[in-house]
Amino acid sequence: MRPLIKSIVEELIDRHASAGRVDLNDIAEAIDARAVSYDEVEYIVTRLEAEGLEVGEPIDAAEVRVMRTVIGAARNLRSSLKRSPTIAEIAAVSGHTQQAVRRALERGRSPAVRLKYR
């Protein structure tokens, strides 16, 4: 990986190790106007997570409610359909957009979320 990317990762680790979390805005600030690729941003996030930092904004109460609705709908559909439901099926039953369903399911799989909201 390019030295620039390694220095960005080191900077973010130094800045946020005590908090244990790096917001996406912090990553953008550290990158600033320097040209980085999508793969390099992915590398930065992966490295930060490998160092034990949570990456992204914290989940708020509204997101927890969406997650509960989506996960409940997914479980009910799985039971009634006897198969894994599609994103579109979950969205239709839960009343949320497909994007919101994807995000809720992704967040619901996160170990940090399972520990905090069980």
PDB file of N, CA and C in Angstrom:
ATOM      1  N   MET A   1       0.849  -1.179   0.000  1.00  0.00           N
ATOM      2  CA  MET A   1       0.000   0.000   0.000  1.00  0.00           C
ATOM      3  C   MET A   1       0.891   1.238   0.000  1.00  0.00           C
ATOM      4  N   ARG A   2       0.373   2.281  -0.620  1.00  0.00           N
ATOM      5  CA  ARG A   2       1.152   3.523  -0.734  1.00  0.00           C
ATOM      6  C   ARG A   2       1.475   4.103   0.647  1.00  0.00           C
ATOM      7  N   PRO A   3       2.639   4.722   0.766  1.00  0.00           N
ATOM      8  CA  PRO A   3       3.006   5.360   2.040  1.00  0.00           C
ATOM      9  C   PRO A   3       1.966   6.391   2.508  1.00  0.00           C
ATOM     10  N   LEU A   4       1.352   7.100   1.575  1.00  0.00           N
ATOM     11  CA  LEU A   4       0.321   8.078   1.926  1.00  0.00           C
ATOM     12  C   LEU A   4      -0.823   7.401   2.688  1.00  0.00           C
ATOM     13  N   ILE A   5      -1.265   6.272   2.200  1.00  0.00           N
ATOM     14  CA  ILE A   5      -2.387   5.560   2.832  1.00  0.00           C
ATOM     15  C   ILE A   5      -1.982   5.048   4.202  1.00  0.00           C
ATOM     16  N   LYS A   6      -0.786   4.526   4.303  1.00  0.00           N
ATOM     17  CA  LYS A   6      -0.298   4.052   5.603  1.00  0.00           C
ATOM     18  C   LYS A   6      -0.225   5.200   6.602  1.00  0.00           C
ATOM     19  N   SER A   7       0.191   6.369   6.153  1.00  0.00           N
ATOM     20  CA  SER A   7       0.278   7.511   7.060  1.00  0.00           C
ATOM     21  C   SER A   7      -1.114   7.977   7.498  1.00  0.00           C
ATOM     22  N   ILE A   8      -2.088   7.903   6.609  1.00  0.00           N
ATOM     23  CA  ILE A   8      -3.468   8.262   6.967  1.00  0.00           C
ATOM     24  C   ILE A   8      -3.989   7.300   8.030  1.00  0.00           C
ATOM     25  N   VAL A   9      -3.743   6.005   7.844  1.00  0.00           N
ATOM     26  CA  VAL A   9      -4.182   5.006   8.820  1.00  0.00           C
ATOM     27  C   VAL A   9      -3.524   5.272  10.167  1.00  0.00           C
ATOM     28  N   GLU A  10      -2.230   5.505  10.178  1.00  0.00           N
ATOM     29  CA  GLU A  10      -1.511   5.766  11.433  1.00  0.00           C
ATOM     30  C   GLU A  10      -2.035   7.018  12.124  1.00  0.00           C
ATOM     31  N   GLU A  11      -2.296   8.053  11.350  1.00  0.00           N
ATOM     32  CA  GLU A  11      -2.844   9.298  11.893  1.00  0.00           C
ATOM     33  C   GLU A  11      -4.196   9.050  12.560  1.00  0.00           C
ATOM     34  N   LEU A  12      -5.055   8.304  11.887  1.00  0.00           N
ATOM     35  CA  LEU A  12      -6.384   8.032  12.436  1.00  0.00           C
ATOM     36  C   LEU A  12      -6.316   7.155  13.687  1.00  0.00           C
ATOM     37  N   ILE A  13      -5.430   6.182  13.696  1.00  0.00           N
ATOM     38  CA  ILE A  13      -5.259   5.333  14.875  1.00  0.00           C
ATOM     39  C   ILE A  13      -4.771   6.178  16.045  1.00  0.00           C
ATOM     40  N   ASP A  14      -3.765   7.019  15.797  1.00  0.00           N
ATOM     41  CA  ASP A  14      -3.245   7.871  16.866  1.00  0.00           C
ATOM     42  C   ASP A  14      -4.326   8.791  17.428  1.00  0.00           C
ATOM     43  N   ARG A  15      -5.127   9.376  16.547  1.00  0.00           N
ATOM     44  CA  ARG A  15      -6.155  10.327  16.954  1.00  0.00           C
ATOM     45  C   ARG A  15      -7.312   9.689  17.699  1.00  0.00           C
ATOM     46  N   HIS A  16      -7.668   8.446  17.324  1.00  0.00           N
ATOM     47  CA  HIS A  16      -8.926   7.881  17.807  1.00  0.00           C
ATOM     48  C   HIS A  16      -8.802   6.606  18.637  1.00  0.00           C
ATOM     49  N   ALA A  17      -7.602   6.177  18.928  1.00  0.00           N
ATOM     50  CA  ALA A  17      -7.430   4.929  19.683  1.00  0.00           C
ATOM     51  C   ALA A  17      -8.111   5.000  21.045  1.00  0.00           C
ATOM     52  N   SER A  18      -8.004   6.120  21.720  1.00  0.00           N
ATOM     53  CA  SER A  18      -8.594   6.225  23.060  1.00  0.00           C
ATOM     54  C   SER A  18     -10.123   6.198  23.014  1.00  0.00           C
ATOM     55  N   ALA A  19     -10.729   6.729  21.945  1.00  0.00           N
ATOM     56  CA  ALA A  19     -12.184   6.742  21.820  1.00  0.00           C
ATOM     57  C   ALA A  19     -12.717   5.401  21.318  1.00  0.00           C
ATOM     58  N   GLY A  20     -11.892   4.671  20.561  1.00  0.00           N
ATOM     59  CA  GLY A  20     -12.318   3.385  20.027  1.00  0.00           C
ATOM     60  C   GLY A  20     -13.247   3.484  18.829  1.00  0.00           C
ATOM     61  N   ARG A  21     -13.435   4.679  18.284  1.00  0.00           N
ATOM     62  CA  ARG A  21     -14.353   4.892  17.169  1.00  0.00           C
ATOM     63  C   ARG A  21     -13.796   5.957  16.247  1.00  0.00           C
ATOM     64  N   VAL A  22     -13.983   5.726  14.949  1.00  0.00           N
ATOM     65  CA  VAL A  22     -13.612   6.705  13.924  1.00  0.00           C
ATOM     66  C   VAL A  22     -14.846   6.957  13.076  1.00  0.00           C
ATOM     67  N   ASP A  23     -15.331   8.184  13.087  1.00  0.00           N
ATOM     68  CA  ASP A  23     -16.465   8.542  12.239  1.00  0.00           C
ATOM     69  C   ASP A  23     -15.999   8.694  10.802  1.00  0.00           C
ATOM     70  N   LEU A  24     -16.920   8.525   9.879  1.00  0.00           N
ATOM     71  CA  LEU A  24     -16.576   8.654   8.464  1.00  0.00           C
ATOM     72  C   LEU A  24     -16.083  10.062   8.139  1.00  0.00           C
ATOM     73  N   ASN A  25     -16.621  11.061   8.810  1.00  0.00           N
ATOM     74  CA  ASN A  25     -16.143  12.429   8.594  1.00  0.00           C
ATOM     75  C   ASN A  25     -14.684  12.594   8.997  1.00  0.00           C
ATOM     76  N   ASP A  26     -14.258  11.866  10.017  1.00  0.00           N
ATOM     77  CA  ASP A  26     -12.861  11.912  10.443  1.00  0.00           C
ATOM     78  C   ASP A  26     -11.946  11.326   9.368  1.00  0.00           C
ATOM     79  N   ILE A  27     -12.401  10.266   8.723  1.00  0.00           N
ATOM     80  CA  ILE A  27     -11.625   9.668   7.640  1.00  0.00           C
ATOM     81  C   ILE A  27     -11.524  10.660   6.490  1.00  0.00           C
ATOM     82  N   ALA A  28     -12.650  11.283   6.142  1.00  0.00           N
ATOM     83  CA  ALA A  28     -12.644  12.271   5.060  1.00  0.00           C
ATOM     84  C   ALA A  28     -11.729  13.431   5.386  1.00  0.00           C
ATOM     85  N   GLU A  29     -11.727  13.871   6.632  1.00  0.00           N
ATOM     86  CA  GLU A  29     -10.862  14.974   7.048  1.00  0.00           C
ATOM     87  C   GLU A  29      -9.387  14.587   6.935  1.00  0.00           C
ATOM     88  N   ALA A  30      -9.061  13.366   7.332  1.00  0.00           N
ATOM     89  CA  ALA A  30      -7.670  12.912   7.257  1.00  0.00           C
ATOM     90  C   ALA A  30      -7.211  12.771   5.807  1.00  0.00           C
ATOM     91  N   ILE A  31      -8.106  12.343   4.936  1.00  0.00           N
ATOM     92  CA  ILE A  31      -7.760  12.221   3.511  1.00  0.00           C
ATOM     93  C   ILE A  31      -7.621  13.597   2.892  1.00  0.00           C
ATOM     94  N   ASP A  32      -8.521  14.515   3.288  1.00  0.00           N
ATOM     95  CA  ASP A  32      -8.538  15.900   2.801  1.00  0.00           C
ATOM     96  C   ASP A  32      -8.656  15.912   1.277  1.00  0.00           C
ATOM     97  N   ALA A  33      -7.831  16.665   0.608  1.00  0.00           N
ATOM     98  CA  ALA A  33      -7.932  16.806  -0.854  1.00  0.00           C
ATOM     99  C   ALA A  33      -7.005  15.845  -1.589  1.00  0.00           C
ATOM    100  N   ARG A  34      -6.372  14.951  -0.855  1.00  0.00           N
ATOM    101  CA  ARG A  34      -5.453  14.002  -1.486  1.00  0.00           C
ATOM    102  C   ARG A  34      -6.242  12.945  -2.257  1.00  0.00           C
ATOM    103  N   ALA A  35      -5.730  12.563  -3.388  1.00  0.00           N
ATOM    104  CA  ALA A  35      -6.416  11.592  -4.247  1.00  0.00           C
ATOM    105  C   ALA A  35      -6.212  10.185  -3.701  1.00  0.00           C
ATOM    106  N   VAL A  36      -7.324   9.536  -3.368  1.00  0.00           N
ATOM    107  CA  VAL A  36      -7.291   8.137  -2.951  1.00  0.00           C
ATOM    108  C   VAL A  36      -8.382   7.389  -3.710  1.00  0.00           C
ATOM    109  N   SER A  37      -8.159   6.128  -3.946  1.00  0.00           N
ATOM    110  CA  SER A  37      -9.125   5.308  -4.677  1.00  0.00           C
ATOM    111  C   SER A  37     -10.126   4.684  -3.705  1.00  0.00           C
ATOM    112  N   TYR A  38     -11.203   4.125  -4.259  1.00  0.00           N
ATOM    113  CA  TYR A  38     -12.177   3.408  -3.438  1.00  0.00           C
ATOM    114  C   TYR A  38     -11.514   2.235  -2.727  1.00  0.00           C
ATOM    115  N   ASP A  39     -10.629   1.543  -3.438  1.00  0.00           N
ATOM    116  CA  ASP A  39      -9.922   0.416  -2.820  1.00  0.00           C
ATOM    117  C   ASP A  39      -9.064   0.872  -1.649  1.00  0.00           C
ATOM    118  N   GLU A  40      -8.471   2.039  -1.775  1.00  0.00           N
ATOM    119  CA  GLU A  40      -7.643   2.556  -0.681  1.00  0.00           C
ATOM    120  C   GLU A  40      -8.496   2.967   0.520  1.00  0.00           C
ATOM    121  N   VAL A  41      -9.660   3.528   0.264  1.00  0.00           N
ATOM    122  CA  VAL A  41     -10.572   3.857   1.367  1.00  0.00           C
ATOM    123  C   VAL A  41     -11.010   2.569   2.061  1.00  0.00           C
ATOM    124  N   GLU A  42     -11.315   1.557   1.283  1.00  0.00           N
ATOM    125  CA  GLU A  42     -11.681   0.257   1.849  1.00  0.00           C
ATOM    126  C   GLU A  42     -10.537  -0.297   2.699  1.00  0.00           C
ATOM    127  N   TYR A  43      -9.324  -0.156   2.212  1.00  0.00           N
ATOM    128  CA  TYR A  43      -8.146  -0.606   2.963  1.00  0.00           C
ATOM    129  C   TYR A  43      -8.048   0.156   4.286  1.00  0.00           C
ATOM    130  N   ILE A  44      -8.256   1.463   4.245  1.00  0.00           N
ATOM    131  CA  ILE A  44      -8.188   2.285   5.457  1.00  0.00           C
ATOM    132  C   ILE A  44      -9.205   1.788   6.487  1.00  0.00           C
ATOM    133  N   VAL A  45     -10.435   1.575   6.050  1.00  0.00           N
ATOM    134  CA  VAL A  45     -11.481   1.101   6.957  1.00  0.00           C
ATOM    135  C   VAL A  45     -11.130  -0.276   7.517  1.00  0.00           C
ATOM    136  N   THR A  46     -10.677  -1.162   6.665  1.00  0.00           N
ATOM    137  CA  THR A  46     -10.305  -2.512   7.092  1.00  0.00           C
ATOM    138  C   THR A  46      -9.184  -2.482   8.124  1.00  0.00           C
ATOM    139  N   ARG A  47      -8.183  -1.660   7.876  1.00  0.00           N
ATOM    140  CA  ARG A  47      -7.062  -1.544   8.820  1.00  0.00           C
ATOM    141  C   ARG A  47      -7.512  -0.982  10.158  1.00  0.00           C
ATOM    142  N   LEU A  48      -8.372   0.029  10.126  1.00  0.00           N
ATOM    143  CA  LEU A  48      -8.870   0.615  11.376  1.00  0.00           C
ATOM    144  C   LEU A  48      -9.660  -0.422  12.176  1.00  0.00           C
ATOM    145  N   GLU A  49     -10.492  -1.189  11.492  1.00  0.00           N
ATOM    146  CA  GLU A  49     -11.258  -2.232  12.174  1.00  0.00           C
ATOM    147  C   GLU A  49     -10.338  -3.325  12.709  1.00  0.00           C
ATOM    148  N   ALA A  50      -9.289  -3.648  11.967  1.00  0.00           N
ATOM    149  CA  ALA A  50      -8.321  -4.651  12.421  1.00  0.00           C
ATOM    150  C   ALA A  50      -7.603  -4.188  13.689  1.00  0.00           C
ATOM    151  N   GLU A  51      -7.503  -2.886  13.868  1.00  0.00           N
ATOM    152  CA  GLU A  51      -6.882  -2.314  15.067  1.00  0.00           C
ATOM    153  C   GLU A  51      -7.875  -2.207  16.227  1.00  0.00           C
ATOM    154  N   GLY A  52      -9.105  -2.677  15.998  1.00  0.00           N
ATOM    155  CA  GLY A  52     -10.097  -2.685  17.057  1.00  0.00           C
ATOM    156  C   GLY A  52     -10.969  -1.438  17.134  1.00  0.00           C
ATOM    157  N   LEU A  53     -10.865  -0.567  16.154  1.00  0.00           N
ATOM    158  CA  LEU A  53     -11.682   0.638  16.142  1.00  0.00           C
ATOM    159  C   LEU A  53     -12.999   0.375  15.418  1.00  0.00           C
ATOM    160  N   GLU A  54     -14.082   0.964  15.929  1.00  0.00           N
ATOM    161  CA  GLU A  54     -15.349   0.919  15.211  1.00  0.00           C
ATOM    162  C   GLU A  54     -15.334   2.056  14.211  1.00  0.00           C
ATOM    163  N   VAL A  55     -15.790   1.787  13.010  1.00  0.00           N
ATOM    164  CA  VAL A  55     -15.788   2.797  11.956  1.00  0.00           C
ATOM    165  C   VAL A  55     -17.225   3.114  11.582  1.00  0.00           C
ATOM    166  N   GLY A  56     -17.556   4.393  11.577  1.00  0.00           N
ATOM    167  CA  GLY A  56     -18.898   4.842  11.222  1.00  0.00           C
ATOM    168  C   GLY A  56     -19.535   5.586  12.363  1.00  0.00           C
ATOM    169  N   GLU A  57     -20.684   6.135  12.085  1.00  0.00           N
ATOM    170  CA  GLU A  57     -21.387   6.891  13.092  1.00  0.00           C
ATOM    171  C   GLU A  57     -22.090   5.944  14.048  1.00  0.00           C
ATOM    172  N   PRO A  58     -22.225   6.350  15.309  1.00  0.00           N
ATOM    173  CA  PRO A  58     -22.941   5.493  16.254  1.00  0.00           C
ATOM    174  C   PRO A  58     -24.414   5.346  15.863  1.00  0.00           C
ATOM    175  N   ILE A  59     -24.998   4.260  16.273  1.00  0.00           N
ATOM    176  CA  ILE A  59     -26.399   3.990  15.983  1.00  0.00           C
ATOM    177  C   ILE A  59     -27.262   4.788  16.953  1.00  0.00           C
ATOM    178  N   ASP A  60     -28.288   5.440  16.411  1.00  0.00           N
ATOM    179  CA  ASP A  60     -29.202   6.186  17.282  1.00  0.00           C
ATOM    180  C   ASP A  60     -30.482   5.373  17.504  1.00  0.00           C
ATOM    181  N   ALA A  61     -31.354   5.903  18.347  1.00  0.00           N
ATOM    182  CA  ALA A  61     -32.577   5.189  18.720  1.00  0.00           C
ATOM    183  C   ALA A  61     -33.472   4.907  17.512  1.00  0.00           C
ATOM    184  N   ALA A  62     -33.542   5.834  16.580  1.00  0.00           N
ATOM    185  CA  ALA A  62     -34.380   5.624  15.389  1.00  0.00           C
ATOM    186  C   ALA A  62     -33.854   4.451  14.566  1.00  0.00           C
ATOM    187  N   GLU A  63     -32.535   4.347  14.439  1.00  0.00           N
ATOM    188  CA  GLU A  63     -31.963   3.225  13.686  1.00  0.00           C
ATOM    189  C   GLU A  63     -32.214   1.899  14.391  1.00  0.00           C
ATOM    190  N   VAL A  64     -32.184   1.912  15.717  1.00  0.00           N
ATOM    191  CA  VAL A  64     -32.482   0.691  16.472  1.00  0.00           C
ATOM    192  C   VAL A  64     -33.918   0.255  16.212  1.00  0.00           C
ATOM    193  N   ARG A  65     -34.857   1.207  16.174  1.00  0.00           N
ATOM    194  CA  ARG A  65     -36.265   0.866  15.888  1.00  0.00           C
ATOM    195  C   ARG A  65     -36.402   0.262  14.485  1.00  0.00           C
ATOM    196  N   VAL A  66     -35.705   0.840  13.509  1.00  0.00           N
ATOM    197  CA  VAL A  66     -35.753   0.306  12.145  1.00  0.00           C
ATOM    198  C   VAL A  66     -35.175  -1.103  12.125  1.00  0.00           C
ATOM    199  N   MET A  67     -34.057  -1.290  12.812  1.00  0.00           N
ATOM    200  CA  MET A  67     -33.442  -2.619  12.855  1.00  0.00           C
ATOM    201  C   MET A  67     -34.399  -3.648  13.438  1.00  0.00           C
ATOM    202  N   ARG A  68     -35.066  -3.285  14.521  1.00  0.00           N
ATOM    203  CA  ARG A  68     -36.004  -4.227  15.145  1.00  0.00           C
ATOM    204  C   ARG A  68     -37.140  -4.585  14.194  1.00  0.00           C
ATOM    205  N   THR A  69     -37.686  -3.580  13.520  1.00  0.00           N
ATOM    206  CA  THR A  69     -38.774  -3.818  12.576  1.00  0.00           C
ATOM    207  C   THR A  69     -38.320  -4.707  11.429  1.00  0.00           C
ATOM    208  N   VAL A  70     -37.179  -4.383  10.855  1.00  0.00           N
ATOM    209  CA  VAL A  70     -36.652  -5.119   9.704  1.00  0.00           C
ATOM    210  C   VAL A  70     -36.303  -6.556  10.086  1.00  0.00           C
ATOM    211  N   ILE A  71     -35.611  -6.723  11.187  1.00  0.00           N
ATOM    212  CA  ILE A  71     -35.198  -8.070  11.599  1.00  0.00           C
ATOM    213  C   ILE A  71     -36.422  -8.905  11.972  1.00  0.00           C
ATOM    214  N   GLY A  72     -37.400  -8.290  12.623  1.00  0.00           N
ATOM    215  CA  GLY A  72     -38.639  -9.003  12.934  1.00  0.00           C
ATOM    216  C   GLY A  72     -39.373  -9.435  11.677  1.00  0.00           C
ATOM    217  N   ALA A  73     -39.462  -8.526  10.708  1.00  0.00           N
ATOM    218  CA  ALA A  73     -40.116  -8.860   9.431  1.00  0.00           C
ATOM    219  C   ALA A  73     -39.366  -9.980   8.725  1.00  0.00           C
ATOM    220  N   ALA A  74     -38.052  -9.915   8.742  1.00  0.00           N
ATOM    221  CA  ALA A  74     -37.243 -10.947   8.077  1.00  0.00           C
ATOM    222  C   ALA A  74     -37.464 -12.311   8.730  1.00  0.00           C
ATOM    223  N   ARG A  75     -37.514 -12.338  10.046  1.00  0.00           N
ATOM    224  CA  ARG A  75     -37.737 -13.614  10.754  1.00  0.00           C
ATOM    225  C   ARG A  75     -39.121 -14.180  10.434  1.00  0.00           C
ATOM    226  N   ASN A  76     -40.128 -13.315  10.471  1.00  0.00           N
ATOM    227  CA  ASN A  76     -41.491 -13.774  10.169  1.00  0.00           C
ATOM    228  C   ASN A  76     -41.595 -14.294   8.735  1.00  0.00           C
ATOM    229  N   LEU A  77     -40.991 -13.572   7.803  1.00  0.00           N
ATOM    230  CA  LEU A  77     -41.017 -14.015   6.406  1.00  0.00           C
ATOM    231  C   LEU A  77     -40.289 -15.344   6.234  1.00  0.00           C
ATOM    232  N   ARG A  78     -39.147 -15.474   6.880  1.00  0.00           N
ATOM    233  CA  ARG A  78     -38.380 -16.721   6.778  1.00  0.00           C
ATOM    234  C   ARG A  78     -39.227 -17.894   7.251  1.00  0.00           C
ATOM    235  N   SER A  79     -39.943 -17.676   8.332  1.00  0.00           N
ATOM    236  CA  SER A  79     -40.790 -18.727   8.883  1.00  0.00           C
ATOM    237  C   SER A  79     -41.949 -19.063   7.942  1.00  0.00           C
ATOM    238  N   SER A  80     -42.589 -18.056   7.404  1.00  0.00           N
ATOM    239  CA  SER A  80     -43.747 -18.315   6.550  1.00  0.00           C
ATOM    240  C   SER A  80     -43.370 -18.788   5.149  1.00  0.00           C
ATOM    241  N   LEU A  81     -42.255 -18.294   4.616  1.00  0.00           N
ATOM    242  CA  LEU A  81     -41.836 -18.671   3.264  1.00  0.00           C
ATOM    243  C   LEU A  81     -41.014 -19.948   3.224  1.00  0.00           C
ATOM    244  N   LYS A  82     -40.476 -20.338   4.388  1.00  0.00           N
ATOM    245  CA  LYS A  82     -39.598 -21.520   4.486  1.00  0.00           C
ATOM    246  C   LYS A  82     -38.316 -21.334   3.667  1.00  0.00           C
ATOM    247  N   ARG A  83     -37.893 -20.062   3.525  1.00  0.00           N
ATOM    248  CA  ARG A  83     -36.643 -19.730   2.836  1.00  0.00           C
ATOM    249  C   ARG A  83     -36.244 -18.321   3.280  1.00  0.00           C
ATOM    250  N   SER A  84     -35.042 -17.944   2.931  1.00  0.00           N
ATOM    251  CA  SER A  84     -34.607 -16.583   3.238  1.00  0.00           C
ATOM    252  C   SER A  84     -35.359 -15.589   2.360  1.00  0.00           C
ATOM    253  N   PRO A  85     -35.935 -14.562   2.971  1.00  0.00           N
ATOM    254  CA  PRO A  85     -36.657 -13.574   2.162  1.00  0.00           C
ATOM    255  C   PRO A  85     -35.695 -12.658   1.417  1.00  0.00           C
ATOM    256  N   THR A  86     -36.186 -12.070   0.358  1.00  0.00           N
ATOM    257  CA  THR A  86     -35.382 -11.104  -0.385  1.00  0.00           C
ATOM    258  C   THR A  86     -35.468  -9.742   0.300  1.00  0.00           C
ATOM    259  N   ILE A  87     -34.567  -8.869  -0.070  1.00  0.00           N
ATOM    260  CA  ILE A  87     -34.586  -7.501   0.448  1.00  0.00           C
ATOM    261  C   ILE A  87     -35.919  -6.840   0.094  1.00  0.00           C
ATOM    262  N   ALA A  88     -36.375  -7.033  -1.135  1.00  0.00           N
ATOM    263  CA  ALA A  88     -37.636  -6.438  -1.576  1.00  0.00           C
ATOM    264  C   ALA A  88     -38.814  -6.939  -0.745  1.00  0.00           C
ATOM    265  N   GLU A  89     -38.830  -8.228  -0.429  1.00  0.00           N
ATOM    266  CA  GLU A  89     -39.914  -8.783   0.390  1.00  0.00           C
ATOM    267  C   GLU A  89     -39.896  -8.196   1.799  1.00  0.00           C
ATOM    268  N   ILE A  90     -38.716  -8.087   2.370  1.00  0.00           N
ATOM    269  CA  ILE A  90     -38.599  -7.508   3.716  1.00  0.00           C
ATOM    270  C   ILE A  90     -39.032  -6.046   3.694  1.00  0.00           C
ATOM    271  N   ALA A  91     -38.621  -5.319   2.670  1.00  0.00           N
ATOM    272  CA  ALA A  91     -38.992  -3.910   2.551  1.00  0.00           C
ATOM    273  C   ALA A  91     -40.507  -3.758   2.462  1.00  0.00           C
ATOM    274  N   ALA A  92     -41.153  -4.593   1.673  1.00  0.00           N
ATOM    275  CA  ALA A  92     -42.597  -4.502   1.503  1.00  0.00           C
ATOM    276  C   ALA A  92     -43.337  -4.754   2.818  1.00  0.00           C
ATOM    277  N   VAL A  93     -42.870  -5.729   3.586  1.00  0.00           N
ATOM    278  CA  VAL A  93     -43.537  -6.074   4.843  1.00  0.00           C
ATOM    279  C   VAL A  93     -43.204  -5.069   5.950  1.00  0.00           C
ATOM    280  N   SER A  94     -41.970  -4.613   5.994  1.00  0.00           N
ATOM    281  CA  SER A  94     -41.546  -3.727   7.087  1.00  0.00           C
ATOM    282  C   SER A  94     -41.953  -2.274   6.871  1.00  0.00           C
ATOM    283  N   GLY A  95     -42.213  -1.916   5.608  1.00  0.00           N
ATOM    284  CA  GLY A  95     -42.559  -0.530   5.317  1.00  0.00           C
ATOM    285  C   GLY A  95     -41.358   0.385   5.168  1.00  0.00           C
ATOM    286  N   HIS A  96     -40.176  -0.189   5.068  1.00  0.00           N
ATOM    287  CA  HIS A  96     -38.953   0.587   4.892  1.00  0.00           C
ATOM    288  C   HIS A  96     -38.421   0.414   3.474  1.00  0.00           C
ATOM    289  N   THR A  97     -37.595   1.342   3.049  1.00  0.00           N
ATOM    290  CA  THR A  97     -36.991   1.236   1.722  1.00  0.00           C
ATOM    291  C   THR A  97     -36.015   0.070   1.679  1.00  0.00           C
ATOM    292  N   GLN A  98     -35.697  -0.382   0.486  1.00  0.00           N
ATOM    293  CA  GLN A  98     -34.726  -1.463   0.345  1.00  0.00           C
ATOM    294  C   GLN A  98     -33.363  -1.047   0.892  1.00  0.00           C
ATOM    295  N   GLN A  99     -32.991   0.204   0.682  1.00  0.00           N
ATOM    296  CA  GLN A  99     -31.716   0.702   1.217  1.00  0.00           C
ATOM    297  C   GLN A  99     -31.711   0.636   2.747  1.00  0.00           C
ATOM    298  N   ALA A 100     -32.813   1.050   3.373  1.00  0.00           N
ATOM    299  CA  ALA A 100     -32.907   1.006   4.835  1.00  0.00           C
ATOM    300  C   ALA A 100     -32.858  -0.436   5.340  1.00  0.00           C
ATOM    301  N   VAL A 101     -33.482  -1.348   4.593  1.00  0.00           N
ATOM    302  CA  VAL A 101     -33.455  -2.766   4.967  1.00  0.00           C
ATOM    303  C   VAL A 101     -32.033  -3.303   4.892  1.00  0.00           C
ATOM    304  N   ARG A 102     -31.334  -3.007   3.795  1.00  0.00           N
ATOM    305  CA  ARG A 102     -29.938  -3.470   3.662  1.00  0.00           C
ATOM    306  C   ARG A 102     -29.087  -2.965   4.820  1.00  0.00           C
ATOM    307  N   ARG A 103     -29.204  -1.685   5.111  1.00  0.00           N
ATOM    308  CA  ARG A 103     -28.404  -1.086   6.187  1.00  0.00           C
ATOM    309  C   ARG A 103     -28.749  -1.719   7.536  1.00  0.00           C
ATOM    310  N   ALA A 104     -30.038  -1.908   7.809  1.00  0.00           N
ATOM    311  CA  ALA A 104     -30.443  -2.505   9.082  1.00  0.00           C
ATOM    312  C   ALA A 104     -29.918  -3.930   9.220  1.00  0.00           C
ATOM    313  N   LEU A 105     -30.011  -4.706   8.149  1.00  0.00           N
ATOM    314  CA  LEU A 105     -29.510  -6.081   8.205  1.00  0.00           C
ATOM    315  C   LEU A 105     -27.996  -6.108   8.371  1.00  0.00           C
ATOM    316  N   GLU A 106     -27.319  -5.197   7.696  1.00  0.00           N
ATOM    317  CA  GLU A 106     -25.867  -5.113   7.831  1.00  0.00           C
ATOM    318  C   GLU A 106     -25.481  -4.748   9.260  1.00  0.00           C
ATOM    319  N   ARG A 107     -26.145  -3.747   9.796  1.00  0.00           N
ATOM    320  CA  ARG A 107     -25.855  -3.330  11.170  1.00  0.00           C
ATOM    321  C   ARG A 107     -26.246  -4.412  12.162  1.00  0.00           C
ATOM    322  N   GLY A 108     -27.317  -5.136  11.876  1.00  0.00           N
ATOM    323  CA  GLY A 108     -27.752  -6.208  12.764  1.00  0.00           C
ATOM    324  C   GLY A 108     -26.773  -7.359  12.838  1.00  0.00           C
ATOM    325  N   ARG A 109     -25.946  -7.492  11.822  1.00  0.00           N
ATOM    326  CA  ARG A 109     -24.918  -8.546  11.805  1.00  0.00           C
ATOM    327  C   ARG A 109     -23.665  -8.138  12.555  1.00  0.00           C
ATOM    328  N   SER A 110     -23.502  -6.857  12.834  1.00  0.00           N
ATOM    329  CA  SER A 110     -22.302  -6.348  13.493  1.00  0.00           C
ATOM    330  C   SER A 110     -22.217  -6.859  14.927  1.00  0.00           C
ATOM    331  N   PRO A 111     -21.081  -7.434  15.336  1.00  0.00           N
ATOM    332  CA  PRO A 111     -20.939  -7.919  16.713  1.00  0.00           C
ATOM    333  C   PRO A 111     -21.160  -6.820  17.738  1.00  0.00           C
ATOM    334  N   ALA A 112     -20.726  -5.603  17.459  1.00  0.00           N
ATOM    335  CA  ALA A 112     -20.893  -4.500  18.407  1.00  0.00           C
ATOM    336  C   ALA A 112     -22.369  -4.201  18.622  1.00  0.00           C
ATOM    337  N   VAL A 113     -23.152  -4.267  17.569  1.00  0.00           N
ATOM    338  CA  VAL A 113     -24.578  -3.993  17.682  1.00  0.00           C
ATOM    339  C   VAL A 113     -25.255  -5.093  18.480  1.00  0.00           C
ATOM    340  N   ARG A 114     -24.924  -6.338  18.219  1.00  0.00           N
ATOM    341  CA  ARG A 114     -25.548  -7.439  18.938  1.00  0.00           C
ATOM    342  C   ARG A 114     -25.258  -7.336  20.436  1.00  0.00           C
ATOM    343  N   LEU A 115     -24.059  -6.932  20.807  1.00  0.00           N
ATOM    344  CA  LEU A 115     -23.716  -6.820  22.211  1.00  0.00           C
ATOM    345  C   LEU A 115     -24.470  -5.673  22.868  1.00  0.00           C
ATOM    346  N   LYS A 116     -24.637  -4.546  22.190  1.00  0.00           N
ATOM    347  CA  LYS A 116     -25.245  -3.370  22.788  1.00  0.00           C
ATOM    348  C   LYS A 116     -26.756  -3.447  22.856  1.00  0.00           C
ATOM    349  N   TYR A 117     -27.402  -4.112  21.899  1.00  0.00           N
ATOM    350  CA  TYR A 117     -28.845  -3.991  21.775  1.00  0.00           C
ATOM    351  C   TYR A 117     -29.605  -5.306  21.917  1.00  0.00           C
ATOM    352  N   ARG A 118     -29.049  -6.275  22.513  1.00  0.00           N
ATOM    353  CA  ARG A 118     -29.781  -7.541  22.723  1.00  0.00           C
ATOM    354  C   ARG A 118     -30.749  -7.404  23.854  1.00  0.00           C
TER     355      ARG A 118
END
